[in-house]
Amino acid sequence: MQLNIQQAESFAHMPLAYLRHEYPNHIMHLLNDEQDVLSPRALHPVFYGCYDWHSAVHGYWLLLRCIRRYPELPALADIGAIFDEHFTPELMERETDYFRAPNRTSFERPYGFGWILALDQKLAQSQHPNAPQWHASMKPLTTEIRSRLLGYLSRLSYPIRVGTHYNTAFALALSLDYARHTQDGELETAIVAASLRYYGHDTDYPAHYEPGGDEYISGGLTEALLMTKVLPAGSFQSWFDNYLPRIAEVTQIMQPATVSDRTDPKIAHLDGLNLSRAWCMKHILRHLHADHPARAAIGAAIDRHIAASIDHVVGSHYSGGHWLASFALLALEG
C-alpha cells in the first residue's frame, strides 16, 4: 500500500485542525518559579497544539511531506497560511528561549530533538515559495537542538531501548538523515560512532518481550532501522542475522498489536506501534539479500501491520488523532 493524494489530503487536515488546538494539552514543563505558570501557547507560541510539543513538531513535518509528495494538494493554501502564522523569527526565538532557561536540559530529549531536525530537513527540501523564510526562522532552534544532541551523545553511556519517547535509536535515525542532508560531518560522525558503540555488538534481541502496553515504537525494529543507515553496505545482513536470528518465528513482533481502547492515550500508542513497525520493516527488507529466508515473512508482516491500524487514523479519537497521521505517513512512504 502506498500513499495516495486522497490519503495525503485526509492526513493533512488532522494537523491543520489540531496545530491550533491548545486544549487538552499534556505539558512536560519544569517551573523555575511562579512566573513559569503559563498556558501552553504562552510557553510555546509555535508548538502549542496537537496535545503535546513533539506532536505539534511532527504535525508540521507531515504537512511539508504531504505537499512535497503532492504539490497540487487541495490543502496547500491552508498549509501555507499556518506556516506563515507560526514560523516567524519572533515566535521561533521564543521557542528557543524555553530551552535556554535553567534546568531544562532534558526537555523533549531525544524524541523532540529528532523531530526538530527532521522538520528542519523538510523545510530545506520544500519547494514552497515561502519555505526559505520559514526555514530561516527555525535556525536558532535547530542550532540549539543540534548542540544539545551532540552534548547528549557525549554523555550518554547506554542507549535507552524503551518503545516510547526516550528511545535513543528513533531519534538518531531521524537526526542522521538530517546530518547527511545538511552535510554536517561533525554530527554525522557523532551519531554513527554512538550507534556503533550502543548497538554494534548486539545479538539475540529478546523480541518475544515486545510489545509493552503503551509502546508506539518497537525497540528492536527501530534499532535495526538505525543500523541500516549506519553500517557499511553489505554489512547489515550479517549484523541483523545475529541480532534477530529467528525473526520470522517470533509472533510477538511479526503480528500486529491489539488495540483494546483507542480513547485511552497510552493504549492508543499501539496503533502507532503497528505503523512504525511497518516503516522499520520496509527499511530492513531493502537491506536483505533477495534470497534471505525471512524476506517473505517480513513482507507479509508489513501488510498486516498497516492493515491493522491504517483505517483508525483519520477520524480517530483525539488520543490518537493528534499524532497518528505522521506515523501512517512513515508506514506508507517508507
Protein backbone atom coordinates (compact mmCIF):
# COMPACT_ATOMS: atom_id res chain seq x y z
CA MET A 1 0.00 0.00 0.00
CA GLN A 2 1.36 3.42 -0.99
CA LEU A 3 0.25 6.93 -0.03
CA ASN A 4 -2.26 8.43 -2.47
CA ILE A 5 -3.41 12.02 -2.78
CA GLN A 6 -6.73 11.35 -1.04
CA GLN A 7 -4.93 9.94 1.99
CA ALA A 8 -2.42 12.80 1.96
CA GLU A 9 -5.25 15.32 1.99
CA SER A 10 -7.03 13.49 4.81
CA PHE A 11 -3.84 13.22 6.84
CA ALA A 12 -3.03 16.91 6.30
CA HIS A 13 -6.40 18.04 7.62
CA MET A 14 -5.64 16.48 11.01
CA PRO A 15 -2.67 18.70 12.00
CA LEU A 16 -4.29 21.63 10.21
CA ALA A 17 -7.09 21.35 12.77
CA TYR A 18 -5.02 20.33 15.77
CA LEU A 19 -1.98 22.63 15.49
CA ARG A 20 -4.18 25.49 16.74
CA HIS A 21 -5.95 23.21 19.24
CA GLU A 22 -4.48 24.33 22.57
CA TYR A 23 -6.54 22.16 24.93
CA PRO A 24 -6.50 19.45 26.17
CA ASN A 25 -2.74 19.69 26.49
CA HIS A 26 -0.18 17.37 28.03
CA ILE A 27 2.58 19.71 29.21
CA MET A 28 6.06 18.47 30.11
CA HIS A 29 7.12 21.65 31.84
CA LEU A 30 9.70 22.46 34.50
CA LEU A 31 8.82 25.52 36.54
CA ASN A 32 11.76 27.57 37.82
CA ASP A 33 9.48 29.99 39.70
CA GLU A 34 5.89 31.19 39.83
CA GLN A 35 6.37 33.25 36.67
CA ASP A 36 6.63 29.99 34.75
CA VAL A 37 2.98 29.15 35.47
CA LEU A 38 1.76 29.86 31.95
CA SER A 39 -0.60 28.48 29.31
CA PRO A 40 0.70 26.13 26.61
CA ARG A 41 0.63 28.86 23.95
CA ALA A 42 2.46 31.33 26.19
CA LEU A 43 5.15 28.71 26.79
CA HIS A 44 5.33 27.51 23.20
CA PRO A 45 3.96 30.04 20.69
CA VAL A 46 4.66 27.74 17.70
CA PHE A 47 4.32 24.20 19.05
CA TYR A 48 1.39 24.61 21.46
CA GLY A 49 -1.24 22.47 19.72
CA CYS A 50 -1.64 18.77 18.94
CA TYR A 51 -1.84 17.79 22.64
CA ASP A 52 1.93 17.91 23.22
CA TRP A 53 5.03 19.70 21.93
CA HIS A 54 6.60 16.93 19.87
CA SER A 55 3.31 16.03 18.16
CA ALA A 56 2.99 19.65 17.05
CA VAL A 57 6.53 19.47 15.63
CA HIS A 58 5.84 16.39 13.54
CA GLY A 59 2.42 17.74 12.60
CA TYR A 60 4.23 20.49 10.69
CA TRP A 61 6.63 17.88 9.30
CA LEU A 62 3.65 15.91 7.97
CA LEU A 63 2.25 18.96 6.19
CA LEU A 64 5.54 19.61 4.43
CA ARG A 65 5.94 15.99 3.43
CA CYS A 66 2.42 15.85 2.00
CA ILE A 67 2.87 18.92 -0.21
CA ARG A 68 6.30 17.75 -1.33
CA ARG A 69 4.75 14.45 -2.42
CA TYR A 70 1.64 16.13 -3.90
CA PRO A 71 2.30 19.81 -4.76
CA GLU A 72 -1.26 20.04 -6.06
CA LEU A 73 -2.74 19.07 -2.68
CA PRO A 74 -6.06 20.93 -2.16
CA ALA A 75 -4.97 21.93 1.36
CA LEU A 76 -1.89 23.76 0.04
CA ALA A 77 -3.18 27.28 0.76
CA ASP A 78 -4.20 26.36 4.31
CA ILE A 79 -0.80 24.77 4.89
CA GLY A 80 0.97 27.91 3.72
CA ALA A 81 -1.20 30.05 5.97
CA ILE A 82 -0.48 28.06 9.13
CA PHE A 83 3.26 28.20 8.49
CA ASP A 84 3.10 31.94 7.76
CA GLU A 85 1.26 32.44 11.04
CA HIS A 86 3.67 30.49 13.25
CA PHE A 87 7.08 30.24 11.59
CA THR A 88 8.25 33.77 12.26
CA PRO A 89 11.62 34.88 13.73
CA GLU A 90 9.96 36.29 16.87
CA LEU A 91 7.94 33.18 17.69
CA MET A 92 10.80 30.80 16.97
CA GLU A 93 13.11 32.85 19.17
CA ARG A 94 10.62 32.45 21.99
CA GLU A 95 10.50 28.69 21.39
CA THR A 96 14.29 28.63 21.62
CA ASP A 97 14.24 30.70 24.81
CA TYR A 98 12.28 27.93 26.50
CA PHE A 99 15.26 25.60 26.01
CA ARG A 100 17.72 28.23 27.23
CA ALA A 101 16.05 28.59 30.63
CA PRO A 102 17.74 26.85 33.60
CA ASN A 103 17.07 23.22 34.47
CA ARG A 104 15.56 22.24 31.08
CA THR A 105 18.45 20.17 29.75
CA SER A 106 16.30 17.09 29.23
CA PHE A 107 13.19 18.76 27.78
CA GLU A 108 11.97 16.69 24.81
CA ARG A 109 15.19 14.69 24.75
CA PRO A 110 15.72 12.81 22.49
CA TYR A 111 12.39 12.37 20.68
CA GLY A 112 11.69 16.05 20.17
CA PHE A 113 15.32 16.60 19.14
CA GLY A 114 14.96 14.10 16.30
CA TRP A 115 11.69 15.59 15.10
CA ILE A 116 13.02 19.16 15.12
CA LEU A 117 15.92 18.11 12.92
CA ALA A 118 13.56 16.17 10.65
CA LEU A 119 11.32 19.22 10.36
CA ASP A 120 14.29 21.44 9.53
CA GLN A 121 15.31 18.98 6.81
CA LYS A 122 11.83 19.02 5.30
CA LEU A 123 11.84 22.83 5.25
CA ALA A 124 15.20 22.82 3.49
CA GLN A 125 13.82 20.41 0.88
CA SER A 126 10.48 22.17 0.42
CA GLN A 127 9.59 23.75 -2.92
CA HIS A 128 7.01 26.07 -1.35
CA PRO A 129 7.91 29.69 -2.20
CA ASN A 130 7.76 30.74 1.46
CA ALA A 131 9.81 27.80 2.73
CA PRO A 132 13.15 29.71 2.77
CA GLN A 133 11.79 32.28 5.22
CA TRP A 134 10.17 29.60 7.37
CA HIS A 135 13.44 27.70 7.36
CA ALA A 136 15.47 30.77 8.29
CA SER A 137 13.17 31.47 11.22
CA MET A 138 13.88 27.98 12.61
CA LYS A 139 17.66 28.39 12.59
CA PRO A 140 18.09 29.42 16.26
CA LEU A 141 16.01 26.47 17.45
CA THR A 142 17.71 23.99 15.12
CA THR A 143 21.13 25.24 16.19
CA GLU A 144 20.18 24.83 19.86
CA ILE A 145 18.87 21.29 19.34
CA ARG A 146 21.89 20.22 17.29
CA SER A 147 24.21 21.41 20.05
CA ARG A 148 22.15 19.66 22.71
CA LEU A 149 22.18 16.38 20.77
CA LEU A 150 25.96 16.46 20.38
CA GLY A 151 26.37 17.12 24.08
CA TYR A 152 23.90 14.37 24.98
CA LEU A 153 25.71 11.75 22.87
CA SER A 154 29.00 12.66 24.54
CA ARG A 155 27.44 11.88 27.96
CA LEU A 156 25.00 9.03 27.26
CA SER A 157 26.80 5.88 28.35
CA TYR A 158 23.99 3.45 27.49
CA PRO A 159 21.21 3.56 24.90
CA ILE A 160 17.61 3.84 26.02
CA ARG A 161 15.66 0.99 24.46
CA VAL A 162 12.08 1.63 25.59
CA GLY A 163 9.34 1.84 22.98
CA THR A 164 8.32 5.40 23.86
CA HIS A 165 9.67 8.96 23.68
CA TYR A 166 13.02 8.21 25.31
CA ASN A 167 14.12 5.67 22.70
CA THR A 168 17.62 6.54 21.52
CA ALA A 169 17.59 4.76 18.15
CA PHE A 170 14.46 6.50 16.83
CA ALA A 171 15.88 9.98 17.43
CA LEU A 172 19.26 9.03 15.99
CA ALA A 173 17.68 7.66 12.81
CA LEU A 174 15.90 10.96 12.15
CA SER A 175 18.93 13.01 13.16
CA LEU A 176 21.30 11.03 10.95
CA ASP A 177 19.14 11.74 7.91
CA TYR A 178 19.31 15.44 8.80
CA ALA A 179 23.08 15.38 9.28
CA ARG A 180 23.63 13.75 5.91
CA HIS A 181 21.22 16.05 4.11
CA THR A 182 22.94 19.14 5.53
CA GLN A 183 26.43 17.61 5.10
CA ASP A 184 27.04 18.14 8.80
CA GLY A 185 30.07 15.91 9.17
CA GLU A 186 30.54 16.54 12.88
CA LEU A 187 27.00 15.48 13.73
CA GLU A 188 27.05 12.51 11.34
CA THR A 189 30.32 11.24 12.81
CA ALA A 190 28.99 11.57 16.36
CA ILE A 191 25.76 9.72 15.54
CA VAL A 192 27.49 6.90 13.67
CA ALA A 193 30.07 6.45 16.41
CA ALA A 194 27.41 6.44 19.12
CA SER A 195 25.22 3.99 17.20
CA LEU A 196 28.09 1.55 16.73
CA ARG A 197 29.01 1.92 20.38
CA TYR A 198 25.45 1.34 21.58
CA TYR A 199 24.29 -1.31 19.13
CA GLY A 200 27.15 -2.64 17.02
CA HIS A 201 27.69 -5.76 19.12
CA ASP A 202 24.06 -6.55 19.96
CA THR A 203 22.94 -10.14 19.47
CA ASP A 204 19.81 -12.19 20.18
CA TYR A 205 17.44 -9.30 20.82
CA PRO A 206 14.54 -10.60 23.01
CA ALA A 207 11.78 -9.77 20.51
CA HIS A 208 9.36 -12.09 22.29
CA TYR A 209 9.07 -9.49 25.08
CA GLU A 210 7.50 -6.94 22.74
CA PRO A 211 5.21 -5.13 22.81
CA GLY A 212 4.80 -3.25 26.04
CA GLY A 213 1.31 -1.97 26.75
CA ASP A 214 1.93 1.68 25.86
CA GLU A 215 4.61 1.46 23.17
CA TYR A 216 4.44 3.15 19.79
CA ILE A 217 7.99 2.22 18.80
CA SER A 218 9.46 -1.25 18.55
CA GLY A 219 12.75 -1.08 20.41
CA GLY A 220 14.07 -4.00 18.39
CA LEU A 221 12.98 -2.95 14.91
CA THR A 222 13.85 0.72 15.40
CA GLU A 223 17.39 -0.25 16.34
CA ALA A 224 17.58 -2.35 13.18
CA LEU A 225 16.26 0.57 11.13
CA LEU A 226 19.01 2.79 12.51
CA MET A 227 21.66 0.20 11.71
CA THR A 228 20.54 0.05 8.06
CA LYS A 229 21.68 3.68 7.93
CA VAL A 230 24.86 3.25 9.99
CA LEU A 231 26.51 0.05 8.81
CA PRO A 232 28.51 -0.05 5.58
CA ALA A 233 26.81 -1.51 2.50
CA GLY A 234 26.80 -5.27 2.69
CA SER A 235 27.40 -5.43 6.44
CA PHE A 236 23.85 -5.02 7.66
CA GLN A 237 22.57 -8.52 6.90
CA SER A 238 25.29 -10.21 8.91
CA TRP A 239 24.60 -7.94 11.88
CA PHE A 240 20.84 -8.44 11.53
CA ASP A 241 21.09 -12.24 11.39
CA ASN A 242 22.95 -12.21 14.71
CA TYR A 243 20.64 -9.60 16.20
CA LEU A 244 17.26 -11.13 15.22
CA PRO A 245 18.26 -14.62 14.07
CA ARG A 246 14.76 -16.14 14.13
CA ILE A 247 12.60 -13.11 13.39
CA ALA A 248 10.12 -15.00 11.21
CA GLU A 249 9.27 -17.27 14.15
CA VAL A 250 8.62 -14.53 16.72
CA THR A 251 4.87 -13.97 16.56
CA GLN A 252 5.01 -11.19 19.16
CA ILE A 253 6.87 -8.94 16.73
CA MET A 254 5.54 -10.27 13.42
CA GLN A 255 1.87 -9.95 14.30
CA PRO A 256 0.17 -6.57 14.85
CA ALA A 257 -0.57 -5.41 18.36
CA THR A 258 -4.19 -5.46 19.52
CA VAL A 259 -5.58 -2.04 20.46
CA SER A 260 -8.27 -2.51 23.09
CA ASP A 261 -9.24 1.13 23.70
CA ARG A 262 -8.48 3.87 21.18
CA THR A 263 -9.77 6.59 23.53
CA ASP A 264 -7.02 5.83 26.05
CA PRO A 265 -3.95 7.99 25.27
CA LYS A 266 -1.48 5.27 26.23
CA ILE A 267 -3.24 2.22 24.79
CA ALA A 268 -3.79 4.17 21.55
CA HIS A 269 0.00 4.18 21.20
CA LEU A 270 -0.28 0.63 19.90
CA ASP A 271 -1.74 1.83 16.60
CA GLY A 272 1.42 3.86 16.21
CA LEU A 273 3.45 0.77 17.04
CA ASN A 274 1.84 -1.15 14.20
CA LEU A 275 2.54 1.67 11.76
CA SER A 276 6.10 2.32 12.91
CA ARG A 277 6.88 -1.39 12.77
CA ALA A 278 5.81 -1.39 9.10
CA TRP A 279 8.10 1.59 8.46
CA CYS A 280 11.05 -0.19 10.09
CA MET A 281 10.39 -3.46 8.29
CA LYS A 282 10.34 -1.71 4.92
CA HIS A 283 13.82 -0.35 5.55
CA ILE A 284 15.07 -3.70 6.83
CA LEU A 285 13.68 -5.52 3.78
CA ARG A 286 15.58 -3.23 1.40
CA HIS A 287 18.84 -4.26 3.03
CA LEU A 288 18.33 -8.04 2.97
CA HIS A 289 19.52 -10.16 0.07
CA ALA A 290 16.90 -11.38 -2.38
CA ASP A 291 17.28 -14.95 -1.10
CA HIS A 292 17.15 -14.13 2.62
CA PRO A 293 14.88 -16.71 4.32
CA ALA A 294 12.92 -14.09 6.26
CA ARG A 295 12.05 -11.84 3.31
CA ALA A 296 8.62 -13.30 2.59
CA ALA A 297 7.63 -13.31 6.27
CA ILE A 298 8.71 -9.69 6.76
CA GLY A 299 6.89 -8.60 3.61
CA ALA A 300 3.68 -10.22 4.81
CA ALA A 301 4.12 -8.69 8.26
CA ILE A 302 4.38 -5.21 6.73
CA ASP A 303 0.99 -5.64 5.07
CA ARG A 304 -0.61 -6.99 8.25
CA HIS A 305 0.66 -4.15 10.40
CA ILE A 306 -0.52 -1.43 8.02
CA ALA A 307 -3.91 -3.09 7.57
CA ALA A 308 -4.39 -3.37 11.35
CA SER A 309 -4.18 0.37 12.00
CA ILE A 310 -4.38 2.47 8.84
CA ASP A 311 -8.18 2.71 8.94
CA HIS A 312 -8.05 4.03 12.51
CA VAL A 313 -6.00 7.13 11.68
CA VAL A 314 -8.39 9.58 10.02
CA GLY A 315 -11.34 10.43 12.25
CA SER A 316 -9.79 8.79 15.28
CA HIS A 317 -10.29 9.94 18.85
CA TYR A 318 -8.03 12.86 19.81
CA SER A 319 -5.92 10.40 21.84
CA GLY A 320 -4.56 9.10 18.56
CA GLY A 321 -5.73 11.74 16.13
CA HIS A 322 -3.26 14.37 17.33
CA TRP A 323 -0.25 12.32 16.16
CA LEU A 324 -1.07 9.09 14.30
CA ALA A 325 -1.14 10.55 10.79
CA SER A 326 2.62 11.18 10.94
CA PHE A 327 3.24 7.52 11.68
CA ALA A 328 0.80 6.46 8.97
CA LEU A 329 2.81 8.57 6.53
CA LEU A 330 6.03 6.85 7.62
CA ALA A 331 4.42 3.45 7.13
CA LEU A 332 3.07 4.20 3.67
CA GLU A 333 6.00 6.21 2.34
CA GLY A 334 8.73 4.04 3.86
